[in-house]
Amino acid sequence: MSKTATVHARIEPKLKKQAEGILRRLGLNQTQAITLFYKQVELHDGLPFNIVIPNKTTIRTFQNTDAGRNLVVCEDVNDMFKKLGI
């Protein structure tokens, strides 16, 4: 199949740089990543992930986390499981 269509998008430079670094680690370039995304949209007949508006609890949790409040810090995975009671 011939590739003749072009996609143009404007995004924040910081987001672009961070995403490209991750894609490089995955062995993908921008074209391959966009093609994968579009293929998943086609296969799912919509976005390949859920998009939801955060509820009040989630928003409060994000705000607390951003402010460094109510955090549980774990030394390692074992400590995390211990604190979770698992």
Protein backbone atom coordinates (compact mmCIF):
# COMPACT_ATOMS: atom_id res chain seq x y z
CA MET A 1 0.00 0.00 0.00
CA SER A 2 1.43 3.35 -1.00
CA LYS A 3 1.91 5.99 1.67
CA THR A 4 0.88 9.33 0.21
CA ALA A 5 -1.17 11.05 2.93
CA THR A 6 0.47 13.53 5.29
CA VAL A 7 -0.43 14.37 8.88
CA HIS A 8 0.57 17.75 10.34
CA ALA A 9 0.25 18.50 14.04
CA ARG A 10 1.48 21.21 16.38
CA ILE A 11 2.43 20.07 19.86
CA GLU A 12 4.43 21.43 22.76
CA PRO A 13 8.19 21.06 22.13
CA LYS A 14 8.78 19.48 25.56
CA LEU A 15 6.10 16.83 24.96
CA LYS A 16 7.52 16.11 21.49
CA LYS A 17 11.05 15.67 22.83
CA GLN A 18 9.96 13.39 25.70
CA ALA A 19 7.73 11.27 23.46
CA GLU A 20 10.44 10.93 20.80
CA GLY A 21 12.89 9.72 23.44
CA ILE A 22 10.46 7.02 24.53
CA LEU A 23 9.71 6.06 20.93
CA ARG A 24 13.46 5.74 20.21
CA ARG A 25 13.81 3.36 23.16
CA LEU A 26 10.97 1.33 21.67
CA GLY A 27 12.66 1.31 18.27
CA LEU A 28 9.96 3.42 16.64
CA ASN A 29 10.06 6.65 14.69
CA GLN A 30 7.25 9.23 14.61
CA THR A 31 5.70 7.86 11.43
CA GLN A 32 5.60 4.32 12.79
CA ALA A 33 4.08 5.51 16.09
CA ILE A 34 1.39 7.56 14.35
CA THR A 35 0.63 4.63 12.03
CA LEU A 36 0.27 2.32 15.07
CA PHE A 37 -2.05 4.80 16.75
CA TYR A 38 -4.21 5.24 13.64
CA LYS A 39 -4.38 1.45 13.16
CA GLN A 40 -5.55 1.03 16.75
CA VAL A 41 -8.19 3.73 16.23
CA GLU A 42 -9.38 1.80 13.19
CA LEU A 43 -9.40 -1.55 15.02
CA HIS A 44 -11.21 -0.14 18.08
CA ASP A 45 -13.57 1.98 15.97
CA GLY A 46 -12.60 4.83 18.32
CA LEU A 47 -9.78 5.80 20.62
CA PRO A 48 -7.76 2.79 21.83
CA PHE A 49 -8.00 3.96 25.45
CA ASN A 50 -10.64 5.42 27.73
CA ILE A 51 -10.99 9.18 27.96
CA VAL A 52 -12.81 10.31 31.08
CA ILE A 53 -13.30 13.51 33.00
CA PRO A 54 -11.73 13.09 36.45
CA ASN A 55 -14.19 13.07 39.35
CA LYS A 56 -13.75 15.25 42.45
CA THR A 57 -11.82 12.56 44.33
CA THR A 58 -9.40 12.07 41.46
CA ILE A 59 -8.87 15.82 41.03
CA ARG A 60 -8.23 16.20 44.79
CA THR A 61 -5.77 13.29 44.67
CA PHE A 62 -3.91 14.88 41.73
CA GLN A 63 -3.76 18.21 43.58
CA ASN A 64 -2.49 16.56 46.78
CA THR A 65 0.11 14.56 44.87
CA ASP A 66 1.32 17.64 42.99
CA ALA A 67 1.61 19.48 46.32
CA GLY A 68 3.42 16.53 47.96
CA ARG A 69 0.59 15.88 50.42
CA ASN A 70 -0.79 12.53 51.58
CA LEU A 71 1.92 10.54 49.84
CA VAL A 72 2.95 7.04 50.82
CA VAL A 73 6.63 6.59 50.03
CA CYS A 74 7.96 3.06 49.72
CA GLU A 75 11.57 1.95 49.91
CA ASP A 76 11.04 -0.85 47.41
CA VAL A 77 8.43 -3.27 46.07
CA ASN A 78 8.44 -5.37 49.23
CA ASP A 79 7.85 -2.27 51.36
CA MET A 80 4.98 -1.28 49.06
CA PHE A 81 3.31 -4.69 49.39
CA LYS A 82 3.79 -4.56 53.18
CA LYS A 83 2.15 -1.13 53.37
CA LEU A 84 -0.70 -2.40 51.16
CA GLY A 85 -1.16 -5.40 53.42
CA ILE A 86 -0.45 -7.85 50.63
